[in-house]
Amino acid sequence: MDVTRNFKTLGAEVDAPKTKSQKVYAFLCMGLGYFGIHNFYIYRTQRGLIDIAITVLFIMAIGLPLFFTGVLANALAFIIPFLFVWLVNVGLGFYYLKVEAPKDGKGDFLR
């Protein structure tokens, strides 16, 4: 029985606040984690903005030297670091599936 769904008090049903899903959080991390979408989903805006900044800075820090030195003078100079960031987020997504009792930005447990 899921006690987070509703409570019965003296014959009346009261809806409990809806919590965010841990599975949705993990799958958002796997698919769109480089944009920080998973952190925006659980009300952690600052962390989401940091994810975007880290992604852009990492891709530029690796991609620009590869592109301008001529090692990879095409789009692969930027795609390879992007794929690395994506793979890291896929790994984090699997980790978030296994974590017990994570909380969102408001302090509520994910269901």
PDB file of N, CA and C in Angstrom:
ATOM      1  N   MET A   1       0.839  -1.177   0.000  1.00  0.00           N
ATOM      2  CA  MET A   1       0.000   0.000   0.000  1.00  0.00           C
ATOM      3  C   MET A   1       0.882   1.237   0.000  1.00  0.00           C
ATOM      4  N   ASP A   2       0.627   2.134  -0.893  1.00  0.00           N
ATOM      5  CA  ASP A   2       1.402   3.359  -1.016  1.00  0.00           C
ATOM      6  C   ASP A   2       0.739   4.453  -0.186  1.00  0.00           C
ATOM      7  N   VAL A   3       1.355   4.819   0.913  1.00  0.00           N
ATOM      8  CA  VAL A   3       0.763   5.822   1.796  1.00  0.00           C
ATOM      9  C   VAL A   3       0.945   7.233   1.271  1.00  0.00           C
ATOM     10  N   THR A   4       1.740   7.412   0.218  1.00  0.00           N
ATOM     11  CA  THR A   4       1.920   8.759  -0.322  1.00  0.00           C
ATOM     12  C   THR A   4       0.805   9.164  -1.279  1.00  0.00           C
ATOM     13  N   ARG A   5      -0.056   8.232  -1.658  1.00  0.00           N
ATOM     14  CA  ARG A   5      -1.124   8.541  -2.604  1.00  0.00           C
ATOM     15  C   ARG A   5      -2.254   9.363  -1.976  1.00  0.00           C
ATOM     16  N   ASN A   6      -2.883   8.830  -0.957  1.00  0.00           N
ATOM     17  CA  ASN A   6      -3.944   9.588  -0.298  1.00  0.00           C
ATOM     18  C   ASN A   6      -4.134   9.088   1.121  1.00  0.00           C
ATOM     19  N   PHE A   7      -4.744   9.901   1.909  1.00  0.00           N
ATOM     20  CA  PHE A   7      -5.034   9.564   3.297  1.00  0.00           C
ATOM     21  C   PHE A   7      -6.543   9.609   3.484  1.00  0.00           C
ATOM     22  N   LYS A   8      -7.050   8.714   4.301  1.00  0.00           N
ATOM     23  CA  LYS A   8      -8.478   8.743   4.608  1.00  0.00           C
ATOM     24  C   LYS A   8      -8.620   9.261   6.033  1.00  0.00           C
ATOM     25  N   THR A   9      -9.227  10.423   6.158  1.00  0.00           N
ATOM     26  CA  THR A   9      -9.408  11.021   7.477  1.00  0.00           C
ATOM     27  C   THR A   9     -10.886  11.261   7.704  1.00  0.00           C
ATOM     28  N   LEU A  10     -11.451  10.550   8.648  1.00  0.00           N
ATOM     29  CA  LEU A  10     -12.860  10.693   9.018  1.00  0.00           C
ATOM     30  C   LEU A  10     -13.785  10.607   7.818  1.00  0.00           C
ATOM     31  N   GLY A  11     -13.514   9.668   6.934  1.00  0.00           N
ATOM     32  CA  GLY A  11     -14.396   9.448   5.801  1.00  0.00           C
ATOM     33  C   GLY A  11     -14.096  10.309   4.593  1.00  0.00           C
ATOM     34  N   ALA A  12     -13.261  11.323   4.717  1.00  0.00           N
ATOM     35  CA  ALA A  12     -12.921  12.182   3.581  1.00  0.00           C
ATOM     36  C   ALA A  12     -11.525  11.824   3.082  1.00  0.00           C
ATOM     37  N   GLU A  13     -11.342  11.896   1.785  1.00  0.00           N
ATOM     38  CA  GLU A  13     -10.033  11.618   1.219  1.00  0.00           C
ATOM     39  C   GLU A  13      -9.294  12.935   0.991  1.00  0.00           C
ATOM     40  N   VAL A  14      -8.057  12.963   1.438  1.00  0.00           N
ATOM     41  CA  VAL A  14      -7.217  14.139   1.260  1.00  0.00           C
ATOM     42  C   VAL A  14      -6.038  13.733   0.392  1.00  0.00           C
ATOM     43  N   ASP A  15      -5.820  14.438  -0.703  1.00  0.00           N
ATOM     44  CA  ASP A  15      -4.701  14.103  -1.582  1.00  0.00           C
ATOM     45  C   ASP A  15      -3.402  14.579  -0.961  1.00  0.00           C
ATOM     46  N   ALA A  16      -2.422  13.676  -0.923  1.00  0.00           N
ATOM     47  CA  ALA A  16      -1.088  14.029  -0.461  1.00  0.00           C
ATOM     48  C   ALA A  16      -0.349  14.704  -1.611  1.00  0.00           C
ATOM     49  N   PRO A  17       0.652  15.486  -1.321  1.00  0.00           N
ATOM     50  CA  PRO A  17       1.415  16.097  -2.415  1.00  0.00           C
ATOM     51  C   PRO A  17       2.097  15.031  -3.256  1.00  0.00           C
ATOM     52  N   LYS A  18       2.084  15.230  -4.535  1.00  0.00           N
ATOM     53  CA  LYS A  18       2.681  14.262  -5.449  1.00  0.00           C
ATOM     54  C   LYS A  18       4.198  14.413  -5.415  1.00  0.00           C
ATOM     55  N   THR A  19       4.889  13.303  -5.262  1.00  0.00           N
ATOM     56  CA  THR A  19       6.333  13.328  -5.281  1.00  0.00           C
ATOM     57  C   THR A  19       6.824  12.948  -6.670  1.00  0.00           C
ATOM     58  N   LYS A  20       8.051  13.281  -6.940  1.00  0.00           N
ATOM     59  CA  LYS A  20       8.645  12.979  -8.237  1.00  0.00           C
ATOM     60  C   LYS A  20       9.106  11.525  -8.257  1.00  0.00           C
ATOM     61  N   SER A  21       9.193  10.963  -9.444  1.00  0.00           N
ATOM     62  CA  SER A  21       9.560   9.564  -9.617  1.00  0.00           C
ATOM     63  C   SER A  21      11.072   9.405  -9.738  1.00  0.00           C
ATOM     64  N   GLN A  22      11.600   8.422  -9.038  1.00  0.00           N
ATOM     65  CA  GLN A  22      13.027   8.134  -9.097  1.00  0.00           C
ATOM     66  C   GLN A  22      13.409   7.573 -10.470  1.00  0.00           C
ATOM     67  N   LYS A  23      12.522   6.787 -11.065  1.00  0.00           N
ATOM     68  CA  LYS A  23      12.813   6.218 -12.383  1.00  0.00           C
ATOM     69  C   LYS A  23      12.860   7.297 -13.452  1.00  0.00           C
ATOM     70  N   VAL A  24      11.919   8.230 -13.405  1.00  0.00           N
ATOM     71  CA  VAL A  24      11.922   9.326 -14.374  1.00  0.00           C
ATOM     72  C   VAL A  24      13.194  10.154 -14.203  1.00  0.00           C
ATOM     73  N   TYR A  25      13.568  10.395 -12.943  1.00  0.00           N
ATOM     74  CA  TYR A  25      14.793  11.138 -12.650  1.00  0.00           C
ATOM     75  C   TYR A  25      16.011  10.442 -13.260  1.00  0.00           C
ATOM     76  N   ALA A  26      16.107   9.136 -13.092  1.00  0.00           N
ATOM     77  CA  ALA A  26      17.253   8.383 -13.612  1.00  0.00           C
ATOM     78  C   ALA A  26      17.256   8.376 -15.141  1.00  0.00           C
ATOM     79  N   PHE A  27      16.085   8.189 -15.760  1.00  0.00           N
ATOM     80  CA  PHE A  27      16.040   8.155 -17.221  1.00  0.00           C
ATOM     81  C   PHE A  27      16.289   9.532 -17.835  1.00  0.00           C
ATOM     82  N   LEU A  28      15.872  10.585 -17.151  1.00  0.00           N
ATOM     83  CA  LEU A  28      16.207  11.923 -17.628  1.00  0.00           C
ATOM     84  C   LEU A  28      17.711  12.162 -17.554  1.00  0.00           C
ATOM     85  N   CYS A  29      18.332  11.639 -16.512  1.00  0.00           N
ATOM     86  CA  CYS A  29      19.782  11.762 -16.393  1.00  0.00           C
ATOM     87  C   CYS A  29      20.480  11.022 -17.527  1.00  0.00           C
ATOM     88  N   MET A  30      19.984   9.842 -17.859  1.00  0.00           N
ATOM     89  CA  MET A  30      20.594   9.055 -18.928  1.00  0.00           C
ATOM     90  C   MET A  30      20.430   9.729 -20.289  1.00  0.00           C
ATOM     91  N   GLY A  31      19.276  10.298 -20.540  1.00  0.00           N
ATOM     92  CA  GLY A  31      19.009  10.850 -21.868  1.00  0.00           C
ATOM     93  C   GLY A  31      19.395  12.298 -22.040  1.00  0.00           C
ATOM     94  N   LEU A  32      19.090  13.118 -21.047  1.00  0.00           N
ATOM     95  CA  LEU A  32      19.322  14.564 -21.176  1.00  0.00           C
ATOM     96  C   LEU A  32      20.139  15.123 -20.018  1.00  0.00           C
ATOM     97  N   GLY A  33      20.947  14.288 -19.413  1.00  0.00           N
ATOM     98  CA  GLY A  33      21.723  14.716 -18.259  1.00  0.00           C
ATOM     99  C   GLY A  33      22.723  15.804 -18.562  1.00  0.00           C
ATOM    100  N   TYR A  34      23.224  15.852 -19.785  1.00  0.00           N
ATOM    101  CA  TYR A  34      24.191  16.882 -20.150  1.00  0.00           C
ATOM    102  C   TYR A  34      23.569  18.267 -20.136  1.00  0.00           C
ATOM    103  N   PHE A  35      22.255  18.360 -20.241  1.00  0.00           N
ATOM    104  CA  PHE A  35      21.559  19.641 -20.112  1.00  0.00           C
ATOM    105  C   PHE A  35      21.098  19.906 -18.682  1.00  0.00           C
ATOM    106  N   GLY A  36      21.284  18.952 -17.786  1.00  0.00           N
ATOM    107  CA  GLY A  36      20.863  19.113 -16.402  1.00  0.00           C
ATOM    108  C   GLY A  36      19.374  18.985 -16.199  1.00  0.00           C
ATOM    109  N   ILE A  37      18.674  18.426 -17.170  1.00  0.00           N
ATOM    110  CA  ILE A  37      17.215  18.326 -17.106  1.00  0.00           C
ATOM    111  C   ILE A  37      16.771  17.535 -15.882  1.00  0.00           C
ATOM    112  N   HIS A  38      17.522  16.497 -15.520  1.00  0.00           N
ATOM    113  CA  HIS A  38      17.143  15.680 -14.371  1.00  0.00           C
ATOM    114  C   HIS A  38      17.165  16.499 -13.080  1.00  0.00           C
ATOM    115  N   ASN A  39      18.063  17.445 -12.967  1.00  0.00           N
ATOM    116  CA  ASN A  39      18.097  18.284 -11.763  1.00  0.00           C
ATOM    117  C   ASN A  39      16.987  19.327 -11.764  1.00  0.00           C
ATOM    118  N   PHE A  40      16.637  19.845 -12.924  1.00  0.00           N
ATOM    119  CA  PHE A  40      15.493  20.754 -12.994  1.00  0.00           C
ATOM    120  C   PHE A  40      14.211  20.016 -12.618  1.00  0.00           C
ATOM    121  N   TYR A  41      14.130  18.729 -12.975  1.00  0.00           N
ATOM    122  CA  TYR A  41      12.950  17.911 -12.683  1.00  0.00           C
ATOM    123  C   TYR A  41      12.702  17.795 -11.177  1.00  0.00           C
ATOM    124  N   ILE A  42      13.759  17.724 -10.390  1.00  0.00           N
ATOM    125  CA  ILE A  42      13.584  17.587  -8.943  1.00  0.00           C
ATOM    126  C   ILE A  42      13.856  18.905  -8.209  1.00  0.00           C
ATOM    127  N   TYR A  43      13.647  20.008  -8.882  1.00  0.00           N
ATOM    128  CA  TYR A  43      13.703  21.350  -8.287  1.00  0.00           C
ATOM    129  C   TYR A  43      15.097  21.732  -7.797  1.00  0.00           C
ATOM    130  N   ARG A  44      16.121  21.262  -8.436  1.00  0.00           N
ATOM    131  CA  ARG A  44      17.490  21.678  -8.112  1.00  0.00           C
ATOM    132  C   ARG A  44      18.024  22.506  -9.274  1.00  0.00           C
ATOM    133  N   THR A  45      17.541  23.718  -9.364  1.00  0.00           N
ATOM    134  CA  THR A  45      17.848  24.585 -10.489  1.00  0.00           C
ATOM    135  C   THR A  45      19.324  24.939 -10.555  1.00  0.00           C
ATOM    136  N   GLN A  46      19.914  25.248  -9.422  1.00  0.00           N
ATOM    137  CA  GLN A  46      21.321  25.635  -9.411  1.00  0.00           C
ATOM    138  C   GLN A  46      22.206  24.497  -9.903  1.00  0.00           C
ATOM    139  N   ARG A  47      21.907  23.293  -9.463  1.00  0.00           N
ATOM    140  CA  ARG A  47      22.670  22.136  -9.908  1.00  0.00           C
ATOM    141  C   ARG A  47      22.474  21.891 -11.405  1.00  0.00           C
ATOM    142  N   GLY A  48      21.272  22.135 -11.919  1.00  0.00           N
ATOM    143  CA  GLY A  48      21.020  21.993 -13.353  1.00  0.00           C
ATOM    144  C   GLY A  48      21.823  22.984 -14.176  1.00  0.00           C
ATOM    145  N   LEU A  49      21.897  24.218 -13.702  1.00  0.00           N
ATOM    146  CA  LEU A  49      22.696  25.231 -14.401  1.00  0.00           C
ATOM    147  C   LEU A  49      24.179  24.886 -14.355  1.00  0.00           C
ATOM    148  N   ILE A  50      24.628  24.325 -13.247  1.00  0.00           N
ATOM    149  CA  ILE A  50      26.023  23.897 -13.146  1.00  0.00           C
ATOM    150  C   ILE A  50      26.303  22.766 -14.127  1.00  0.00           C
ATOM    151  N   ASP A  51      25.361  21.845 -14.299  1.00  0.00           N
ATOM    152  CA  ASP A  51      25.529  20.760 -15.275  1.00  0.00           C
ATOM    153  C   ASP A  51      25.687  21.306 -16.692  1.00  0.00           C
ATOM    154  N   ILE A  52      24.878  22.289 -17.033  1.00  0.00           N
ATOM    155  CA  ILE A  52      24.983  22.898 -18.369  1.00  0.00           C
ATOM    156  C   ILE A  52      26.343  23.552 -18.538  1.00  0.00           C
ATOM    157  N   ALA A  53      26.782  24.290 -17.529  1.00  0.00           N
ATOM    158  CA  ALA A  53      28.070  24.983 -17.609  1.00  0.00           C
ATOM    159  C   ALA A  53      29.225  23.988 -17.719  1.00  0.00           C
ATOM    160  N   ILE A  54      29.177  22.912 -16.938  1.00  0.00           N
ATOM    161  CA  ILE A  54      30.248  21.907 -16.990  1.00  0.00           C
ATOM    162  C   ILE A  54      30.291  21.249 -18.358  1.00  0.00           C
ATOM    163  N   THR A  55      29.132  20.944 -18.921  1.00  0.00           N
ATOM    164  CA  THR A  55      29.086  20.319 -20.239  1.00  0.00           C
ATOM    165  C   THR A  55      29.693  21.224 -21.294  1.00  0.00           C
ATOM    166  N   VAL A  56      29.279  22.479 -21.318  1.00  0.00           N
ATOM    167  CA  VAL A  56      29.791  23.415 -22.328  1.00  0.00           C
ATOM    168  C   VAL A  56      31.284  23.634 -22.150  1.00  0.00           C
ATOM    169  N   LEU A  57      31.727  23.849 -20.920  1.00  0.00           N
ATOM    170  CA  LEU A  57      33.147  24.087 -20.684  1.00  0.00           C
ATOM    171  C   LEU A  57      33.998  22.865 -21.014  1.00  0.00           C
ATOM    172  N   PHE A  58      33.518  21.675 -20.681  1.00  0.00           N
ATOM    173  CA  PHE A  58      34.274  20.463 -20.987  1.00  0.00           C
ATOM    174  C   PHE A  58      34.383  20.256 -22.491  1.00  0.00           C
ATOM    175  N   ILE A  59      33.278  20.421 -23.207  1.00  0.00           N
ATOM    176  CA  ILE A  59      33.312  20.221 -24.654  1.00  0.00           C
ATOM    177  C   ILE A  59      34.216  21.253 -25.321  1.00  0.00           C
ATOM    178  N   MET A  60      34.149  22.488 -24.852  1.00  0.00           N
ATOM    179  CA  MET A  60      35.010  23.524 -25.433  1.00  0.00           C
ATOM    180  C   MET A  60      36.477  23.301 -25.060  1.00  0.00           C
ATOM    181  N   ALA A  61      36.740  22.896 -23.813  1.00  0.00           N
ATOM    182  CA  ALA A  61      38.124  22.700 -23.374  1.00  0.00           C
ATOM    183  C   ALA A  61      38.808  21.550 -24.109  1.00  0.00           C
ATOM    184  N   ILE A  62      38.050  20.542 -24.484  1.00  0.00           N
ATOM    185  CA  ILE A  62      38.623  19.412 -25.219  1.00  0.00           C
ATOM    186  C   ILE A  62      38.490  19.624 -26.724  1.00  0.00           C
ATOM    187  N   GLY A  63      37.328  20.099 -27.168  1.00  0.00           N
ATOM    188  CA  GLY A  63      37.054  20.212 -28.600  1.00  0.00           C
ATOM    189  C   GLY A  63      37.831  21.299 -29.312  1.00  0.00           C
ATOM    190  N   LEU A  64      37.956  22.461 -28.701  1.00  0.00           N
ATOM    191  CA  LEU A  64      38.662  23.563 -29.373  1.00  0.00           C
ATOM    192  C   LEU A  64      40.133  23.248 -29.637  1.00  0.00           C
ATOM    193  N   PRO A  65      40.891  22.738 -28.666  1.00  0.00           N
ATOM    194  CA  PRO A  65      42.284  22.386 -29.000  1.00  0.00           C
ATOM    195  C   PRO A  65      42.387  21.290 -30.065  1.00  0.00           C
ATOM    196  N   LEU A  66      41.500  20.304 -30.007  1.00  0.00           N
ATOM    197  CA  LEU A  66      41.524  19.262 -31.039  1.00  0.00           C
ATOM    198  C   LEU A  66      41.218  19.836 -32.414  1.00  0.00           C
ATOM    199  N   PHE A  67      40.285  20.763 -32.465  1.00  0.00           N
ATOM    200  CA  PHE A  67      39.876  21.337 -33.747  1.00  0.00           C
ATOM    201  C   PHE A  67      40.951  22.261 -34.322  1.00  0.00           C
ATOM    202  N   PHE A  68      41.479  23.156 -33.497  1.00  0.00           N
ATOM    203  CA  PHE A  68      42.405  24.168 -34.019  1.00  0.00           C
ATOM    204  C   PHE A  68      43.838  23.677 -34.169  1.00  0.00           C
ATOM    205  N   THR A  69      44.215  22.591 -33.524  1.00  0.00           N
ATOM    206  CA  THR A  69      45.547  22.032 -33.754  1.00  0.00           C
ATOM    207  C   THR A  69      45.572  21.138 -34.980  1.00  0.00           C
ATOM    208  N   GLY A  70      44.425  20.794 -35.501  1.00  0.00           N
ATOM    209  CA  GLY A  70      44.360  19.976 -36.701  1.00  0.00           C
ATOM    210  C   GLY A  70      44.323  18.486 -36.421  1.00  0.00           C
ATOM    211  N   VAL A  71      44.293  18.101 -35.144  1.00  0.00           N
ATOM    212  CA  VAL A  71      44.207  16.675 -34.821  1.00  0.00           C
ATOM    213  C   VAL A  71      42.901  16.104 -35.359  1.00  0.00           C
ATOM    214  N   LEU A  72      41.823  16.783 -35.090  1.00  0.00           N
ATOM    215  CA  LEU A  72      40.513  16.438 -35.643  1.00  0.00           C
ATOM    216  C   LEU A  72      39.886  17.740 -36.152  1.00  0.00           C
ATOM    217  N   ALA A  73      40.122  18.069 -37.368  1.00  0.00           N
ATOM    218  CA  ALA A  73      39.632  19.333 -37.916  1.00  0.00           C
ATOM    219  C   ALA A  73      38.239  19.183 -38.517  1.00  0.00           C
ATOM    220  N   ASN A  74      37.371  18.546 -37.768  1.00  0.00           N
ATOM    221  CA  ASN A  74      35.986  18.406 -38.200  1.00  0.00           C
ATOM    222  C   ASN A  74      35.101  18.328 -36.962  1.00  0.00           C
ATOM    223  N   ALA A  75      33.868  17.957 -37.141  1.00  0.00           N
ATOM    224  CA  ALA A  75      32.906  17.942 -36.028  1.00  0.00           C
ATOM    225  C   ALA A  75      33.243  16.904 -34.968  1.00  0.00           C
ATOM    226  N   LEU A  76      34.029  15.915 -35.295  1.00  0.00           N
ATOM    227  CA  LEU A  76      34.397  14.897 -34.315  1.00  0.00           C
ATOM    228  C   LEU A  76      35.149  15.495 -33.126  1.00  0.00           C
ATOM    229  N   ALA A  77      35.800  16.610 -33.324  1.00  0.00           N
ATOM    230  CA  ALA A  77      36.516  17.260 -32.225  1.00  0.00           C
ATOM    231  C   ALA A  77      35.560  17.651 -31.112  1.00  0.00           C
ATOM    232  N   PHE A  78      34.310  17.893 -31.434  1.00  0.00           N
ATOM    233  CA  PHE A  78      33.322  18.275 -30.425  1.00  0.00           C
ATOM    234  C   PHE A  78      32.379  17.114 -30.078  1.00  0.00           C
ATOM    235  N   ILE A  79      32.195  16.189 -30.996  1.00  0.00           N
ATOM    236  CA  ILE A  79      31.303  15.053 -30.748  1.00  0.00           C
ATOM    237  C   ILE A  79      31.917  14.077 -29.751  1.00  0.00           C
ATOM    238  N   ILE A  80      33.218  13.854 -29.831  1.00  0.00           N
ATOM    239  CA  ILE A  80      33.870  12.904 -28.927  1.00  0.00           C
ATOM    240  C   ILE A  80      33.763  13.347 -27.473  1.00  0.00           C
ATOM    241  N   PRO A  81      34.068  14.610 -27.109  1.00  0.00           N
ATOM    242  CA  PRO A  81      33.867  15.003 -25.704  1.00  0.00           C
ATOM    243  C   PRO A  81      32.394  14.981 -25.290  1.00  0.00           C
ATOM    244  N   PHE A  82      31.499  15.301 -26.235  1.00  0.00           N
ATOM    245  CA  PHE A  82      30.069  15.244 -25.930  1.00  0.00           C
ATOM    246  C   PHE A  82      29.652  13.817 -25.605  1.00  0.00           C
ATOM    247  N   LEU A  83      30.141  12.832 -26.361  1.00  0.00           N
ATOM    248  CA  LEU A  83      29.815  11.435 -26.085  1.00  0.00           C
ATOM    249  C   LEU A  83      30.367  10.987 -24.738  1.00  0.00           C
ATOM    250  N   PHE A  84      31.536  11.507 -24.364  1.00  0.00           N
ATOM    251  CA  PHE A  84      32.100  11.183 -23.050  1.00  0.00           C
ATOM    252  C   PHE A  84      31.185  11.700 -21.938  1.00  0.00           C
ATOM    253  N   VAL A  85      30.711  12.942 -22.064  1.00  0.00           N
ATOM    254  CA  VAL A  85      29.802  13.514 -21.064  1.00  0.00           C
ATOM    255  C   VAL A  85      28.506  12.716 -21.028  1.00  0.00           C
ATOM    256  N   TRP A  86      28.005  12.320 -22.171  1.00  0.00           N
ATOM    257  CA  TRP A  86      26.778  11.531 -22.230  1.00  0.00           C
ATOM    258  C   TRP A  86      26.960  10.185 -21.541  1.00  0.00           C
ATOM    259  N   LEU A  87      28.099   9.517 -21.781  1.00  0.00           N
ATOM    260  CA  LEU A  87      28.345   8.224 -21.140  1.00  0.00           C
ATOM    261  C   LEU A  87      28.457   8.359 -19.622  1.00  0.00           C
ATOM    262  N   VAL A  88      29.054   9.429 -19.152  1.00  0.00           N
ATOM    263  CA  VAL A  88      29.119   9.669 -17.712  1.00  0.00           C
ATOM    264  C   VAL A  88      27.713   9.807 -17.143  1.00  0.00           C
ATOM    265  N   ASN A  89      26.841  10.523 -17.843  1.00  0.00           N
ATOM    266  CA  ASN A  89      25.469  10.690 -17.374  1.00  0.00           C
ATOM    267  C   ASN A  89      24.667   9.398 -17.441  1.00  0.00           C
ATOM    268  N   VAL A  90      24.946   8.544 -18.391  1.00  0.00           N
ATOM    269  CA  VAL A  90      24.286   7.232 -18.428  1.00  0.00           C
ATOM    270  C   VAL A  90      24.694   6.425 -17.202  1.00  0.00           C
ATOM    271  N   GLY A  91      25.975   6.465 -16.865  1.00  0.00           N
ATOM    272  CA  GLY A  91      26.433   5.779 -15.660  1.00  0.00           C
ATOM    273  C   GLY A  91      25.786   6.336 -14.408  1.00  0.00           C
ATOM    274  N   LEU A  92      25.669   7.656 -14.326  1.00  0.00           N
ATOM    275  CA  LEU A  92      24.991   8.277 -13.189  1.00  0.00           C
ATOM    276  C   LEU A  92      23.524   7.877 -13.137  1.00  0.00           C
ATOM    277  N   GLY A  93      22.887   7.759 -14.290  1.00  0.00           N
ATOM    278  CA  GLY A  93      21.489   7.343 -14.334  1.00  0.00           C
ATOM    279  C   GLY A  93      21.291   5.959 -13.747  1.00  0.00           C
ATOM    280  N   PHE A  94      22.190   5.029 -14.100  1.00  0.00           N
ATOM    281  CA  PHE A  94      22.099   3.683 -13.509  1.00  0.00           C
ATOM    282  C   PHE A  94      22.352   3.735 -12.009  1.00  0.00           C
ATOM    283  N   TYR A  95      23.252   4.597 -11.580  1.00  0.00           N
ATOM    284  CA  TYR A  95      23.503   4.755 -10.145  1.00  0.00           C
ATOM    285  C   TYR A  95      22.253   5.285  -9.443  1.00  0.00           C
ATOM    286  N   TYR A  96      21.581   6.270 -10.048  1.00  0.00           N
ATOM    287  CA  TYR A  96      20.380   6.844  -9.448  1.00  0.00           C
ATOM    288  C   TYR A  96      19.236   5.840  -9.372  1.00  0.00           C
ATOM    289  N   LEU A  97      19.230   4.838 -10.246  1.00  0.00           N
ATOM    290  CA  LEU A  97      18.219   3.782 -10.156  1.00  0.00           C
ATOM    291  C   LEU A  97      18.433   2.912  -8.929  1.00  0.00           C
ATOM    292  N   LYS A  98      19.670   2.774  -8.491  1.00  0.00           N
ATOM    293  CA  LYS A  98      20.006   1.884  -7.381  1.00  0.00           C
ATOM    294  C   LYS A  98      20.025   2.581  -6.019  1.00  0.00           C
ATOM    295  N   VAL A  99      20.117   3.904  -5.998  1.00  0.00           N
ATOM    296  CA  VAL A  99      20.199   4.644  -4.734  1.00  0.00           C
ATOM    297  C   VAL A  99      18.879   4.511  -3.988  1.00  0.00           C
ATOM    298  N   GLU A 100      18.976   4.280  -2.690  1.00  0.00           N
ATOM    299  CA  GLU A 100      17.762   4.187  -1.889  1.00  0.00           C
ATOM    300  C   GLU A 100      17.453   5.532  -1.253  1.00  0.00           C
ATOM    301  N   ALA A 101      16.204   5.922  -1.290  1.00  0.00           N
ATOM    302  CA  ALA A 101      15.665   7.103  -0.628  1.00  0.00           C
ATOM    303  C   ALA A 101      16.332   8.414  -1.031  1.00  0.00           C
ATOM    304  N   PRO A 102      16.442   8.710  -2.348  1.00  0.00           N
ATOM    305  CA  PRO A 102      16.943  10.033  -2.716  1.00  0.00           C
ATOM    306  C   PRO A 102      15.862  11.090  -2.474  1.00  0.00           C
ATOM    307  N   LYS A 103      16.289  12.330  -2.289  1.00  0.00           N
ATOM    308  CA  LYS A 103      15.347  13.429  -2.040  1.00  0.00           C
ATOM    309  C   LYS A 103      15.414  14.444  -3.165  1.00  0.00           C
ATOM    310  N   ASP A 104      14.300  15.158  -3.349  1.00  0.00           N
ATOM    311  CA  ASP A 104      14.299  16.230  -4.330  1.00  0.00           C
ATOM    312  C   ASP A 104      14.737  17.530  -3.662  1.00  0.00           C
ATOM    313  N   GLY A 105      14.679  18.624  -4.402  1.00  0.00           N
ATOM    314  CA  GLY A 105      15.130  19.901  -3.891  1.00  0.00           C
ATOM    315  C   GLY A 105      14.271  20.457  -2.763  1.00  0.00           C
ATOM    316  N   LYS A 106      13.065  19.953  -2.600  1.00  0.00           N
ATOM    317  CA  LYS A 106      12.184  20.411  -1.527  1.00  0.00           C
ATOM    318  C   LYS A 106      12.305  19.541  -0.271  1.00  0.00           C
ATOM    319  N   GLY A 107      13.126  18.495  -0.328  1.00  0.00           N
ATOM    320  CA  GLY A 107      13.305  17.613   0.806  1.00  0.00           C
ATOM    321  C   GLY A 107      12.384  16.423   0.830  1.00  0.00           C
ATOM    322  N   ASP A 108      11.542  16.260  -0.197  1.00  0.00           N
ATOM    323  CA  ASP A 108      10.644  15.103  -0.269  1.00  0.00           C
ATOM    324  C   ASP A 108      11.369  13.918  -0.901  1.00  0.00           C
ATOM    325  N   PHE A 109      11.040  12.728  -0.456  1.00  0.00           N
ATOM    326  CA  PHE A 109      11.639  11.535  -1.022  1.00  0.00           C
ATOM    327  C   PHE A 109      11.081  11.274  -2.408  1.00  0.00           C
ATOM    328  N   LEU A 110      11.924  10.792  -3.317  1.00  0.00           N
ATOM    329  CA  LEU A 110      11.448  10.371  -4.628  1.00  0.00           C
ATOM    330  C   LEU A 110      10.790   9.010  -4.478  1.00  0.00           C
ATOM    331  N   ARG A 111       9.736   8.788  -5.236  1.00  0.00           N
ATOM    332  CA  ARG A 111       9.059   7.494  -5.127  1.00  0.00           C
ATOM    333  C   ARG A 111       9.482   6.573  -6.233  1.00  0.00           C
TER     334      ARG A 111
END
